[in-house]
PDB file of N, CA and C in Angstrom:
ATOM      1  N   MET A   1      98.381  67.671  62.237  1.00  0.00           N
ATOM      2  CA  MET A   1      99.091  66.679  61.477  1.00  0.00           C
ATOM      3  C   MET A   1      99.601  67.239  60.156  1.00  0.00           C
ATOM      4  N   THR A   2      99.044  68.341  59.704  1.00  0.00           N
ATOM      5  CA  THR A   2      99.529  68.948  58.469  1.00  0.00           C
ATOM      6  C   THR A   2     101.000  69.305  58.586  1.00  0.00           C
ATOM      7  N   VAL A   3     101.414  69.810  59.727  1.00  0.00           N
ATOM      8  CA  VAL A   3     102.795  70.232  59.916  1.00  0.00           C
ATOM      9  C   VAL A   3     103.737  69.028  59.863  1.00  0.00           C
ATOM     10  N   TYR A   4     103.336  67.892  60.419  1.00  0.00           N
ATOM     11  CA  TYR A   4     104.221  66.731  60.529  1.00  0.00           C
ATOM     12  C   TYR A   4     103.908  65.615  59.543  1.00  0.00           C
ATOM     13  N   ASP A   5     102.947  65.807  58.672  1.00  0.00           N
ATOM     14  CA  ASP A   5     102.526  64.751  57.749  1.00  0.00           C
ATOM     15  C   ASP A   5     103.676  64.247  56.882  1.00  0.00           C
ATOM     16  N   ARG A   6     104.634  65.115  56.579  1.00  0.00           N
ATOM     17  CA  ARG A   6     105.752  64.709  55.724  1.00  0.00           C
ATOM     18  C   ARG A   6     106.609  63.620  56.380  1.00  0.00           C
ATOM     19  N   TYR A   7     106.458  63.403  57.693  1.00  0.00           N
ATOM     20  CA  TYR A   7     107.226  62.379  58.401  1.00  0.00           C
ATOM     21  C   TYR A   7     106.459  61.055  58.558  1.00  0.00           C
ATOM     22  N   ARG A   8     105.265  60.991  58.033  1.00  0.00           N
ATOM     23  CA  ARG A   8     104.390  59.836  58.229  1.00  0.00           C
ATOM     24  C   ARG A   8     105.075  58.515  57.862  1.00  0.00           C
ATOM     25  N   ALA A   9     105.836  58.486  56.784  1.00  0.00           N
ATOM     26  CA  ALA A   9     106.478  57.247  56.333  1.00  0.00           C
ATOM     27  C   ALA A   9     107.811  56.969  57.038  1.00  0.00           C
ATOM     28  N   ASP A  10     108.291  57.913  57.831  1.00  0.00           N
ATOM     29  CA  ASP A  10     109.576  57.758  58.511  1.00  0.00           C
ATOM     30  C   ASP A  10     109.410  56.839  59.723  1.00  0.00           C
ATOM     31  N   PRO A  11     110.152  55.726  59.776  1.00  0.00           N
ATOM     32  CA  PRO A  11     110.006  54.785  60.903  1.00  0.00           C
ATOM     33  C   PRO A  11     110.235  55.424  62.274  1.00  0.00           C
ATOM     34  N   GLU A  12     111.082  56.443  62.350  1.00  0.00           N
ATOM     35  CA  GLU A  12     111.342  57.092  63.634  1.00  0.00           C
ATOM     36  C   GLU A  12     110.114  57.828  64.167  1.00  0.00           C
ATOM     37  N   TRP A  13     109.176  58.137  63.289  1.00  0.00           N
ATOM     38  CA  TRP A  13     107.960  58.849  63.680  1.00  0.00           C
ATOM     39  C   TRP A  13     106.764  57.900  63.809  1.00  0.00           C
ATOM     40  N   ALA A  14     106.992  56.603  63.707  1.00  0.00           N
ATOM     41  CA  ALA A  14     105.907  55.618  63.675  1.00  0.00           C
ATOM     42  C   ALA A  14     104.997  55.693  64.899  1.00  0.00           C
ATOM     43  N   GLY A  15     105.525  55.966  66.060  1.00  0.00           N
ATOM     44  CA  GLY A  15     104.695  56.064  67.258  1.00  0.00           C
ATOM     45  C   GLY A  15     104.048  57.423  67.428  1.00  0.00           C
ATOM     46  N   PHE A  16     104.722  58.460  66.937  1.00  0.00           N
ATOM     47  CA  PHE A  16     104.237  59.831  67.131  1.00  0.00           C
ATOM     48  C   PHE A  16     102.947  60.099  66.353  1.00  0.00           C
ATOM     49  N   VAL A  17     102.934  59.715  65.078  1.00  0.00           N
ATOM     50  CA  VAL A  17     101.791  60.045  64.217  1.00  0.00           C
ATOM     51  C   VAL A  17     100.493  59.442  64.754  1.00  0.00           C
ATOM     52  N   PRO A  18     100.423  58.142  65.035  1.00  0.00           N
ATOM     53  CA  PRO A  18      99.160  57.605  65.559  1.00  0.00           C
ATOM     54  C   PRO A  18      98.769  58.205  66.909  1.00  0.00           C
ATOM     55  N   ALA A  19      99.753  58.486  67.750  1.00  0.00           N
ATOM     56  CA  ALA A  19      99.443  59.085  69.056  1.00  0.00           C
ATOM     57  C   ALA A  19      98.839  60.470  68.885  1.00  0.00           C
ATOM     58  N   MET A  20      99.398  61.265  67.980  1.00  0.00           N
ATOM     59  CA  MET A  20      98.858  62.611  67.736  1.00  0.00           C
ATOM     60  C   MET A  20      97.469  62.540  67.114  1.00  0.00           C
ATOM     61  N   GLU A  21      97.266  61.604  66.197  1.00  0.00           N
ATOM     62  CA  GLU A  21      95.941  61.459  65.587  1.00  0.00           C
ATOM     63  C   GLU A  21      94.902  61.040  66.619  1.00  0.00           C
ATOM     64  N   ALA A  22      95.258  60.154  67.520  1.00  0.00           N
ATOM     65  CA  ALA A  22      94.328  59.736  68.566  1.00  0.00           C
ATOM     66  C   ALA A  22      94.009  60.903  69.495  1.00  0.00           C
ATOM     67  N   HIS A  23      95.022  61.687  69.839  1.00  0.00           N
ATOM     68  CA  HIS A  23      94.814  62.865  70.692  1.00  0.00           C
ATOM     69  C   HIS A  23      93.907  63.874  69.979  1.00  0.00           C
ATOM     70  N   ARG A  24      94.191  64.118  68.706  1.00  0.00           N
ATOM     71  CA  ARG A  24      93.352  65.026  67.914  1.00  0.00           C
ATOM     72  C   ARG A  24      91.909  64.550  67.899  1.00  0.00           C
ATOM     73  N   ASP A  25      91.706  63.260  67.666  1.00  0.00           N
ATOM     74  CA  ASP A  25      90.349  62.716  67.601  1.00  0.00           C
ATOM     75  C   ASP A  25      89.621  62.863  68.932  1.00  0.00           C
ATOM     76  N   ARG A  26      90.339  62.674  70.052  1.00  0.00           N
ATOM     77  CA  ARG A  26      89.714  62.884  71.379  1.00  0.00           C
ATOM     78  C   ARG A  26      89.280  64.344  71.539  1.00  0.00           C
ATOM     79  N   LEU A  27      90.151  65.265  71.147  1.00  0.00           N
ATOM     80  CA  LEU A  27      89.821  66.690  71.266  1.00  0.00           C
ATOM     81  C   LEU A  27      88.654  67.068  70.352  1.00  0.00           C
ATOM     82  N   LEU A  28      88.629  66.504  69.154  1.00  0.00           N
ATOM     83  CA  LEU A  28      87.501  66.763  68.257  1.00  0.00           C
ATOM     84  C   LEU A  28      86.194  66.303  68.894  1.00  0.00           C
ATOM     85  N   GLY A  29      86.235  65.127  69.517  1.00  0.00           N
ATOM     86  CA  GLY A  29      85.043  64.620  70.186  1.00  0.00           C
ATOM     87  C   GLY A  29      84.567  65.541  71.299  1.00  0.00           C
ATOM     88  N   GLU A  30      85.517  66.140  72.012  1.00  0.00           N
ATOM     89  CA  GLU A  30      85.163  67.055  73.104  1.00  0.00           C
ATOM     90  C   GLU A  30      84.555  68.354  72.600  1.00  0.00           C
ATOM     91  N   CYS A  31      85.028  68.857  71.454  1.00  0.00           N
ATOM     92  CA  CYS A  31      84.529  70.164  70.996  1.00  0.00           C
ATOM     93  C   CYS A  31      83.406  70.042  69.975  1.00  0.00           C
ATOM     94  N   GLY A  32      83.118  68.833  69.513  1.00  0.00           N
ATOM     95  CA  GLY A  32      81.982  68.644  68.623  1.00  0.00           C
ATOM     96  C   GLY A  32      82.249  68.978  67.165  1.00  0.00           C
ATOM     97  N   LEU A  33      83.499  69.114  66.775  1.00  0.00           N
ATOM     98  CA  LEU A  33      83.823  69.359  65.374  1.00  0.00           C
ATOM     99  C   LEU A  33      84.140  68.051  64.664  1.00  0.00           C
ATOM    100  N   THR A  34      83.984  68.069  63.355  1.00  0.00           N
ATOM    101  CA  THR A  34      84.401  66.922  62.566  1.00  0.00           C
ATOM    102  C   THR A  34      85.820  67.169  62.053  1.00  0.00           C
ATOM    103  N   LEU A  35      86.473  66.107  61.631  1.00  0.00           N
ATOM    104  CA  LEU A  35      87.814  66.245  61.064  1.00  0.00           C
ATOM    105  C   LEU A  35      87.771  67.114  59.812  1.00  0.00           C
ATOM    106  N   ALA A  36      86.725  66.984  59.017  1.00  0.00           N
ATOM    107  CA  ALA A  36      86.591  67.803  57.803  1.00  0.00           C
ATOM    108  C   ALA A  36      86.510  69.293  58.154  1.00  0.00           C
ATOM    109  N   GLU A  37      85.786  69.635  59.219  1.00  0.00           N
ATOM    110  CA  GLU A  37      85.695  71.038  59.637  1.00  0.00           C
ATOM    111  C   GLU A  37      87.048  71.556  60.105  1.00  0.00           C
ATOM    112  N   LEU A  38      87.775  70.744  60.838  1.00  0.00           N
ATOM    113  CA  LEU A  38      89.094  71.135  61.324  1.00  0.00           C
ATOM    114  C   LEU A  38      90.092  71.236  60.165  1.00  0.00           C
ATOM    115  N   ALA A  39      90.009  70.313  59.222  1.00  0.00           N
ATOM    116  CA  ALA A  39      90.972  70.250  58.111  1.00  0.00           C
ATOM    117  C   ALA A  39      90.950  71.503  57.238  1.00  0.00           C
ATOM    118  N   VAL A  40      89.843  72.212  57.221  1.00  0.00           N
ATOM    119  CA  VAL A  40      89.763  73.438  56.426  1.00  0.00           C
ATOM    120  C   VAL A  40      90.817  74.454  56.879  1.00  0.00           C
ATOM    121  N   ASP A  41      91.105  74.492  58.173  1.00  0.00           N
ATOM    122  CA  ASP A  41      92.071  75.453  58.711  1.00  0.00           C
ATOM    123  C   ASP A  41      93.502  74.928  58.752  1.00  0.00           C
ATOM    124  N   TYR A  42      93.706  73.640  58.556  1.00  0.00           N
ATOM    125  CA  TYR A  42      95.043  73.065  58.663  1.00  0.00           C
ATOM    126  C   TYR A  42      96.076  73.711  57.731  1.00  0.00           C
ATOM    127  N   PRO A  43      95.748  74.018  56.479  1.00  0.00           N
ATOM    128  CA  PRO A  43      96.774  74.645  55.628  1.00  0.00           C
ATOM    129  C   PRO A  43      97.322  75.941  56.218  1.00  0.00           C
ATOM    130  N   PHE A  44      96.515  76.664  56.955  1.00  0.00           N
ATOM    131  CA  PHE A  44      96.974  77.912  57.548  1.00  0.00           C
ATOM    132  C   PHE A  44      97.902  77.655  58.741  1.00  0.00           C
ATOM    133  N   VAL A  45      97.705  76.524  59.420  1.00  0.00           N
ATOM    134  CA  VAL A  45      98.627  76.140  60.493  1.00  0.00           C
ATOM    135  C   VAL A  45     100.002  75.864  59.888  1.00  0.00           C
ATOM    136  N   ARG A  46     100.036  75.135  58.792  1.00  0.00           N
ATOM    137  CA  ARG A  46     101.313  74.829  58.135  1.00  0.00           C
ATOM    138  C   ARG A  46     101.962  76.099  57.591  1.00  0.00           C
ATOM    139  N   LEU A  47     101.159  76.983  56.993  1.00  0.00           N
ATOM    140  CA  LEU A  47     101.692  78.245  56.493  1.00  0.00           C
ATOM    141  C   LEU A  47     102.281  79.065  57.637  1.00  0.00           C
ATOM    142  N   ALA A  48     101.580  79.137  58.760  1.00  0.00           N
ATOM    143  CA  ALA A  48     102.098  79.870  59.925  1.00  0.00           C
ATOM    144  C   ALA A  48     103.384  79.242  60.445  1.00  0.00           C
ATOM    145  N   ASP A  49     103.461  77.916  60.410  1.00  0.00           N
ATOM    146  CA  ASP A  49     104.681  77.224  60.828  1.00  0.00           C
ATOM    147  C   ASP A  49     105.855  77.635  59.934  1.00  0.00           C
ATOM    148  N   LEU A  50     105.654  77.663  58.629  1.00  0.00           N
ATOM    149  CA  LEU A  50     106.723  78.074  57.714  1.00  0.00           C
ATOM    150  C   LEU A  50     107.121  79.528  57.931  1.00  0.00           C
ATOM    151  N   ILE A  51     106.141  80.391  58.180  1.00  0.00           N
ATOM    152  CA  ILE A  51     106.434  81.805  58.435  1.00  0.00           C
ATOM    153  C   ILE A  51     107.303  81.937  59.679  1.00  0.00           C
ATOM    154  N   SER A  52     106.937  81.232  60.753  1.00  0.00           N
ATOM    155  CA  SER A  52     107.717  81.337  61.987  1.00  0.00           C
ATOM    156  C   SER A  52     109.121  80.778  61.805  1.00  0.00           C
ATOM    157  N   LEU A  53     109.252  79.678  61.081  1.00  0.00           N
ATOM    158  CA  LEU A  53     110.578  79.107  60.843  1.00  0.00           C
ATOM    159  C   LEU A  53     111.428  80.021  59.968  1.00  0.00           C
ATOM    160  N   ALA A  54     110.822  80.613  58.942  1.00  0.00           N
ATOM    161  CA  ALA A  54     111.576  81.528  58.077  1.00  0.00           C
ATOM    162  C   ALA A  54     112.112  82.702  58.882  1.00  0.00           C
ATOM    163  N   PHE A  55     111.309  83.209  59.808  1.00  0.00           N
ATOM    164  CA  PHE A  55     111.735  84.343  60.629  1.00  0.00           C
ATOM    165  C   PHE A  55     112.763  83.918  61.680  1.00  0.00           C
ATOM    166  N   CYS A  56     112.411  82.921  62.476  1.00  0.00           N
ATOM    167  CA  CYS A  56     113.256  82.549  63.615  1.00  0.00           C
ATOM    168  C   CYS A  56     114.569  81.896  63.189  1.00  0.00           C
ATOM    169  N   ALA A  57     114.552  81.140  62.102  1.00  0.00           N
ATOM    170  CA  ALA A  57     115.762  80.464  61.648  1.00  0.00           C
ATOM    171  C   ALA A  57     116.489  81.264  60.560  1.00  0.00           C
ATOM    172  N   GLU A  58     115.963  82.443  60.262  1.00  0.00           N
ATOM    173  CA  GLU A  58     116.569  83.330  59.257  1.00  0.00           C
ATOM    174  C   GLU A  58     116.724  82.649  57.904  1.00  0.00           C
ATOM    175  N   TRP A  59     115.673  81.887  57.505  1.00  0.00           N
ATOM    176  CA  TRP A  59     115.689  81.247  56.195  1.00  0.00           C
ATOM    177  C   TRP A  59     115.532  82.306  55.117  1.00  0.00           C
ATOM    178  N   THR A  60     116.368  82.271  54.118  1.00  0.00           N
ATOM    179  CA  THR A  60     116.239  83.204  52.991  1.00  0.00           C
ATOM    180  C   THR A  60     115.902  82.476  51.700  1.00  0.00           C
ATOM    181  N   ASP A  61     115.858  81.144  51.749  1.00  0.00           N
ATOM    182  CA  ASP A  61     115.493  80.387  50.561  1.00  0.00           C
ATOM    183  C   ASP A  61     113.973  80.250  50.479  1.00  0.00           C
ATOM    184  N   ASP A  62     113.488  79.880  49.302  1.00  0.00           N
ATOM    185  CA  ASP A  62     112.051  79.690  49.104  1.00  0.00           C
ATOM    186  C   ASP A  62     111.602  78.383  49.745  1.00  0.00           C
ATOM    187  N   ASN A  63     110.528  78.451  50.533  1.00  0.00           N
ATOM    188  CA  ASN A  63     109.901  77.280  51.135  1.00  0.00           C
ATOM    189  C   ASN A  63     108.476  77.221  50.625  1.00  0.00           C
ATOM    190  N   ARG A  64     108.131  76.147  49.955  1.00  0.00           N
ATOM    191  CA  ARG A  64     106.828  76.046  49.296  1.00  0.00           C
ATOM    192  C   ARG A  64     105.874  75.174  50.100  1.00  0.00           C
ATOM    193  N   TYR A  65     104.634  75.628  50.148  1.00  0.00           N
ATOM    194  CA  TYR A  65     103.548  74.829  50.695  1.00  0.00           C
ATOM    195  C   TYR A  65     102.276  75.245  49.967  1.00  0.00           C
ATOM    196  N   GLY A  66     101.610  74.271  49.375  1.00  0.00           N
ATOM    197  CA  GLY A  66     100.403  74.576  48.612  1.00  0.00           C
ATOM    198  C   GLY A  66     100.708  75.644  47.581  1.00  0.00           C
ATOM    199  N   PRO A  67      99.868  76.663  47.489  1.00  0.00           N
ATOM    200  CA  PRO A  67     100.109  77.715  46.498  1.00  0.00           C
ATOM    201  C   PRO A  67     101.112  78.771  46.954  1.00  0.00           C
ATOM    202  N   TRP A  68     101.609  78.658  48.194  1.00  0.00           N
ATOM    203  CA  TRP A  68     102.428  79.728  48.769  1.00  0.00           C
ATOM    204  C   TRP A  68     103.927  79.443  48.695  1.00  0.00           C
ATOM    205  N   VAL A  69     104.681  80.525  48.600  1.00  0.00           N
ATOM    206  CA  VAL A  69     106.131  80.493  48.751  1.00  0.00           C
ATOM    207  C   VAL A  69     106.448  81.445  49.898  1.00  0.00           C
ATOM    208  N   VAL A  70     107.203  80.961  50.870  1.00  0.00           N
ATOM    209  CA  VAL A  70     107.557  81.731  52.068  1.00  0.00           C
ATOM    210  C   VAL A  70     109.071  81.919  52.069  1.00  0.00           C
ATOM    211  N   ARG A  71     109.497  83.179  52.282  1.00  0.00           N
ATOM    212  CA  ARG A  71     110.929  83.478  52.280  1.00  0.00           C
ATOM    213  C   ARG A  71     111.207  84.563  53.305  1.00  0.00           C
ATOM    214  N   GLY A  72     112.240  84.364  54.101  1.00  0.00           N
ATOM    215  CA  GLY A  72     112.655  85.375  55.053  1.00  0.00           C
ATOM    216  C   GLY A  72     113.507  86.426  54.382  1.00  0.00           C
ATOM    217  N   ALA A  73     113.365  87.655  54.846  1.00  0.00           N
ATOM    218  CA  ALA A  73     114.159  88.780  54.336  1.00  0.00           C
ATOM    219  C   ALA A  73     114.427  89.722  55.498  1.00  0.00           C
ATOM    220  N   GLY A  74     115.337  89.319  56.371  1.00  0.00           N
ATOM    221  CA  GLY A  74     115.618  90.121  57.553  1.00  0.00           C
ATOM    222  C   GLY A  74     114.453  90.067  58.521  1.00  0.00           C
ATOM    223  N   ALA A  75     113.946  91.232  58.896  1.00  0.00           N
ATOM    224  CA  ALA A  75     112.822  91.300  59.839  1.00  0.00           C
ATOM    225  C   ALA A  75     111.478  91.159  59.129  1.00  0.00           C
ATOM    226  N   ARG A  76     111.508  90.813  57.869  1.00  0.00           N
ATOM    227  CA  ARG A  76     110.276  90.659  57.083  1.00  0.00           C
ATOM    228  C   ARG A  76     110.209  89.234  56.539  1.00  0.00           C
ATOM    229  N   VAL A  77     109.019  88.668  56.535  1.00  0.00           N
ATOM    230  CA  VAL A  77     108.775  87.384  55.889  1.00  0.00           C
ATOM    231  C   VAL A  77     107.813  87.655  54.735  1.00  0.00           C
ATOM    232  N   ILE A  78     108.221  87.227  53.563  1.00  0.00           N
ATOM    233  CA  ILE A  78     107.436  87.483  52.354  1.00  0.00           C
ATOM    234  C   ILE A  78     106.672  86.212  51.986  1.00  0.00           C
ATOM    235  N   VAL A  79     105.380  86.357  51.760  1.00  0.00           N
ATOM    236  CA  VAL A  79     104.526  85.245  51.358  1.00  0.00           C
ATOM    237  C   VAL A  79     103.903  85.583  50.015  1.00  0.00           C
ATOM    238  N   THR A  80     104.151  84.730  49.021  1.00  0.00           N
ATOM    239  CA  THR A  80     103.525  84.920  47.711  1.00  0.00           C
ATOM    240  C   THR A  80     102.815  83.625  47.315  1.00  0.00           C
ATOM    241  N   PRO A  81     101.649  83.702  46.708  1.00  0.00           N
ATOM    242  CA  PRO A  81     100.881  84.920  46.475  1.00  0.00           C
ATOM    243  C   PRO A  81     100.393  85.526  47.792  1.00  0.00           C
ATOM    244  N   ASP A  82      99.931  86.746  47.702  1.00  0.00           N
ATOM    245  CA  ASP A  82      99.504  87.520  48.869  1.00  0.00           C
ATOM    246  C   ASP A  82      98.428  86.770  49.651  1.00  0.00           C
ATOM    247  N   ALA A  83      98.706  86.518  50.924  1.00  0.00           N
ATOM    248  CA  ALA A  83      97.751  85.847  51.808  1.00  0.00           C
ATOM    249  C   ALA A  83      97.163  86.807  52.838  1.00  0.00           C
ATOM    250  N   PHE A  84      97.537  88.105  52.746  1.00  0.00           N
ATOM    251  CA  PHE A  84      97.177  89.042  53.804  1.00  0.00           C
ATOM    252  C   PHE A  84      96.501  90.312  53.288  1.00  0.00           C
ATOM    253  N   GLY A  85      95.890  90.244  52.125  1.00  0.00           N
ATOM    254  CA  GLY A  85      95.139  91.378  51.616  1.00  0.00           C
ATOM    255  C   GLY A  85      95.965  92.629  51.407  1.00  0.00           C
ATOM    256  N   GLY A  86      97.227  92.468  51.038  1.00  0.00           N
ATOM    257  CA  GLY A  86      98.082  93.613  50.781  1.00  0.00           C
ATOM    258  C   GLY A  86      98.663  94.264  52.027  1.00  0.00           C
ATOM    259  N   GLU A  87      98.341  93.756  53.200  1.00  0.00           N
ATOM    260  CA  GLU A  87      98.812  94.335  54.456  1.00  0.00           C
ATOM    261  C   GLU A  87     100.146  93.721  54.884  1.00  0.00           C
ATOM    262  N   ALA A  88     100.948  94.501  55.569  1.00  0.00           N
ATOM    263  CA  ALA A  88     102.135  93.993  56.259  1.00  0.00           C
ATOM    264  C   ALA A  88     101.714  93.787  57.709  1.00  0.00           C
ATOM    265  N   ILE A  89     101.669  92.552  58.153  1.00  0.00           N
ATOM    266  CA  ILE A  89     101.167  92.211  59.474  1.00  0.00           C
ATOM    267  C   ILE A  89     102.330  92.177  60.465  1.00  0.00           C
ATOM    268  N   PRO A  90     102.306  93.027  61.492  1.00  0.00           N
ATOM    269  CA  PRO A  90     103.389  92.994  62.488  1.00  0.00           C
ATOM    270  C   PRO A  90     103.231  91.790  63.416  1.00  0.00           C
ATOM    271  N   PHE A  91     104.350  91.277  63.884  1.00  0.00           N
ATOM    272  CA  PHE A  91     104.318  90.192  64.853  1.00  0.00           C
ATOM    273  C   PHE A  91     105.523  90.309  65.776  1.00  0.00           C
ATOM    274  N   LYS A  92     105.412  89.631  66.916  1.00  0.00           N
ATOM    275  CA  LYS A  92     106.512  89.552  67.879  1.00  0.00           C
ATOM    276  C   LYS A  92     106.678  88.106  68.297  1.00  0.00           C
ATOM    277  N   VAL A  93     107.920  87.728  68.548  1.00  0.00           N
ATOM    278  CA  VAL A  93     108.241  86.381  68.997  1.00  0.00           C
ATOM    279  C   VAL A  93     109.129  86.509  70.232  1.00  0.00           C
ATOM    280  N   THR A  94     108.718  85.861  71.309  1.00  0.00           N
ATOM    281  CA  THR A  94     109.557  85.808  72.498  1.00  0.00           C
ATOM    282  C   THR A  94     110.391  84.541  72.390  1.00  0.00           C
ATOM    283  N   ALA A  95     111.695  84.694  72.565  1.00  0.00           N
ATOM    284  CA  ALA A  95     112.600  83.564  72.347  1.00  0.00           C
ATOM    285  C   ALA A  95     113.775  83.641  73.310  1.00  0.00           C
ATOM    286  N   ARG A  96     114.571  82.620  73.287  1.00  0.00           N
ATOM    287  CA  ARG A  96     115.840  82.623  74.003  1.00  0.00           C
ATOM    288  C   ARG A  96     116.937  82.745  72.969  1.00  0.00           C
ATOM    289  N   GLU A  97     117.870  83.640  73.215  1.00  0.00           N
ATOM    290  CA  GLU A  97     118.960  83.883  72.280  1.00  0.00           C
ATOM    291  C   GLU A  97     120.122  82.950  72.616  1.00  0.00           C
ATOM    292  N   ILE A  98     120.254  81.917  71.796  1.00  0.00           N
ATOM    293  CA  ILE A  98     121.254  80.875  72.020  1.00  0.00           C
ATOM    294  C   ILE A  98     122.458  81.158  71.123  1.00  0.00           C
ATOM    295  N   PRO A  99     123.662  81.035  71.653  1.00  0.00           N
ATOM    296  CA  PRO A  99     124.846  81.298  70.833  1.00  0.00           C
ATOM    297  C   PRO A  99     124.901  80.387  69.608  1.00  0.00           C
ATOM    298  N   ARG A 100     125.359  80.938  68.514  1.00  0.00           N
ATOM    299  CA  ARG A 100     125.507  80.153  67.282  1.00  0.00           C
ATOM    300  C   ARG A 100     126.856  79.443  67.356  1.00  0.00           C
ATOM    301  N   ARG A 101     126.816  78.190  67.783  1.00  0.00           N
ATOM    302  CA  ARG A 101     128.042  77.408  67.927  1.00  0.00           C
ATOM    303  C   ARG A 101     127.690  75.930  67.898  1.00  0.00           C
ATOM    304  N   ARG A 102     128.673  75.097  67.820  1.00  0.00           N
ATOM    305  CA  ARG A 102     128.444  73.649  67.896  1.00  0.00           C
ATOM    306  C   ARG A 102     128.265  73.263  69.366  1.00  0.00           C
ATOM    307  N   PHE A 103     127.327  72.348  69.607  1.00  0.00           N
ATOM    308  CA  PHE A 103     127.091  71.851  70.952  1.00  0.00           C
ATOM    309  C   PHE A 103     127.633  70.430  71.039  1.00  0.00           C
ATOM    310  N   THR A 104     128.223  70.105  72.158  1.00  0.00           N
ATOM    311  CA  THR A 104     128.898  68.818  72.302  1.00  0.00           C
ATOM    312  C   THR A 104     127.996  67.695  72.796  1.00  0.00           C
ATOM    313  N   SER A 105     126.834  68.050  73.350  1.00  0.00           N
ATOM    314  CA  SER A 105     125.939  67.023  73.893  1.00  0.00           C
ATOM    315  C   SER A 105     124.565  67.631  74.149  1.00  0.00           C
ATOM    316  N   ASP A 106     123.607  66.786  74.463  1.00  0.00           N
ATOM    317  CA  ASP A 106     122.286  67.267  74.868  1.00  0.00           C
ATOM    318  C   ASP A 106     122.382  68.135  76.110  1.00  0.00           C
ATOM    319  N   THR A 107     123.235  67.738  77.038  1.00  0.00           N
ATOM    320  CA  THR A 107     123.426  68.515  78.268  1.00  0.00           C
ATOM    321  C   THR A 107     123.971  69.901  77.940  1.00  0.00           C
ATOM    322  N   ASP A 108     124.894  69.966  77.017  1.00  0.00           N
ATOM    323  CA  ASP A 108     125.463  71.250  76.587  1.00  0.00           C
ATOM    324  C   ASP A 108     124.365  72.156  76.031  1.00  0.00           C
ATOM    325  N   VAL A 109     123.488  71.613  75.219  1.00  0.00           N
ATOM    326  CA  VAL A 109     122.375  72.395  74.655  1.00  0.00           C
ATOM    327  C   VAL A 109     121.441  72.856  75.767  1.00  0.00           C
ATOM    328  N   ARG A 110     121.067  71.941  76.662  1.00  0.00           N
ATOM    329  CA  ARG A 110     120.153  72.297  77.756  1.00  0.00           C
ATOM    330  C   ARG A 110     120.734  73.421  78.615  1.00  0.00           C
ATOM    331  N   GLU A 111     122.017  73.341  78.896  1.00  0.00           N
ATOM    332  CA  GLU A 111     122.658  74.381  79.711  1.00  0.00           C
ATOM    333  C   GLU A 111     122.684  75.714  78.966  1.00  0.00           C
ATOM    334  N   ALA A 112     122.935  75.680  77.669  1.00  0.00           N
ATOM    335  CA  ALA A 112     122.946  76.916  76.877  1.00  0.00           C
ATOM    336  C   ALA A 112     121.558  77.554  76.855  1.00  0.00           C
ATOM    337  N   VAL A 113     120.527  76.737  76.725  1.00  0.00           N
ATOM    338  CA  VAL A 113     119.151  77.256  76.731  1.00  0.00           C
ATOM    339  C   VAL A 113     118.824  77.853  78.098  1.00  0.00           C
ATOM    340  N   ALA A 114     119.214  77.181  79.153  1.00  0.00           N
ATOM    341  CA  ALA A 114     118.932  77.673  80.511  1.00  0.00           C
ATOM    342  C   ALA A 114     119.619  79.012  80.776  1.00  0.00           C
ATOM    343  N   ARG A 115     120.806  79.206  80.232  1.00  0.00           N
ATOM    344  CA  ARG A 115     121.557  80.453  80.449  1.00  0.00           C
ATOM    345  C   ARG A 115     121.159  81.567  79.463  1.00  0.00           C
ATOM    346  N   ALA A 116     120.517  81.203  78.395  1.00  0.00           N
ATOM    347  CA  ALA A 116     120.246  82.166  77.323  1.00  0.00           C
ATOM    348  C   ALA A 116     119.266  83.246  77.771  1.00  0.00           C
ATOM    349  N   PRO A 117     119.552  84.491  77.418  1.00  0.00           N
ATOM    350  CA  PRO A 117     118.616  85.563  77.768  1.00  0.00           C
ATOM    351  C   PRO A 117     117.343  85.482  76.924  1.00  0.00           C
ATOM    352  N   VAL A 118     116.248  85.902  77.530  1.00  0.00           N
ATOM    353  CA  VAL A 118     114.977  85.975  76.814  1.00  0.00           C
ATOM    354  C   VAL A 118     114.953  87.288  76.047  1.00  0.00           C
ATOM    355  N   VAL A 119     114.594  87.201  74.773  1.00  0.00           N
ATOM    356  CA  VAL A 119     114.524  88.384  73.928  1.00  0.00           C
ATOM    357  C   VAL A 119     113.175  88.412  73.213  1.00  0.00           C
ATOM    358  N   THR A 120     112.760  89.587  72.804  1.00  0.00           N
ATOM    359  CA  THR A 120     111.565  89.724  71.973  1.00  0.00           C
ATOM    360  C   THR A 120     112.006  90.240  70.618  1.00  0.00           C
ATOM    361  N   LEU A 121     111.692  89.478  69.592  1.00  0.00           N
ATOM    362  CA  LEU A 121     112.028  89.842  68.219  1.00  0.00           C
ATOM    363  C   LEU A 121     110.761  90.255  67.501  1.00  0.00           C
ATOM    364  N   GLY A 122     110.873  91.239  66.636  1.00  0.00           N
ATOM    365  CA  GLY A 122     109.694  91.699  65.910  1.00  0.00           C
ATOM    366  C   GLY A 122     109.965  91.789  64.433  1.00  0.00           C
ATOM    367  N   GLY A 123     108.888  91.681  63.678  1.00  0.00           N
ATOM    368  CA  GLY A 123     108.994  91.789  62.238  1.00  0.00           C
ATOM    369  C   GLY A 123     107.623  91.948  61.631  1.00  0.00           C
ATOM    370  N   THR A 124     107.569  91.775  60.338  1.00  0.00           N
ATOM    371  CA  THR A 124     106.294  91.807  59.621  1.00  0.00           C
ATOM    372  C   THR A 124     106.246  90.651  58.641  1.00  0.00           C
ATOM    373  N   VAL A 125     105.051  90.251  58.314  1.00  0.00           N
ATOM    374  CA  VAL A 125     104.827  89.243  57.288  1.00  0.00           C
ATOM    375  C   VAL A 125     103.839  89.828  56.290  1.00  0.00           C
ATOM    376  N   GLY A 126     104.090  89.597  55.035  1.00  0.00           N
ATOM    377  CA  GLY A 126     103.192  90.094  54.002  1.00  0.00           C
ATOM    378  C   GLY A 126     103.719  89.760  52.632  1.00  0.00           C
ATOM    379  N   TYR A 127     103.112  90.388  51.669  1.00  0.00           N
ATOM    380  CA  TYR A 127     103.465  90.187  50.264  1.00  0.00           C
ATOM    381  C   TYR A 127     104.430  91.282  49.863  1.00  0.00           C
ATOM    382  N   LEU A 128     105.463  90.918  49.128  1.00  0.00           N
ATOM    383  CA  LEU A 128     106.481  91.870  48.680  1.00  0.00           C
ATOM    384  C   LEU A 128     106.209  93.235  49.212  1.00  0.00           C
TER     385      LEU A 128
END
């Protein structure tokens, strides 16, 4: 819910948020963790989400979450302050390469995704 919490007040998300919370609570019950134990790791889920978006969407502007600023720089994603102990962490993302163009409909997008070649992109994430 950390990733989507910013949509909590949006009426279009009114059904999604409670459904996800109920699903989360069922899973917590199955694994024996409390919400407080799970919540300790949630900020890192959101940070990872920003890192992936900065890389995959080629964001070059600053995106802030908690104490961190995430910015894409080509094949590198920079996180400040340092969250990785001074290391540059390599990563790979398997994706579909979709043409950069306007799509005329949902069907047009679905067809473009179906035809798109699968590619593996690589980069690093770290501090300056």
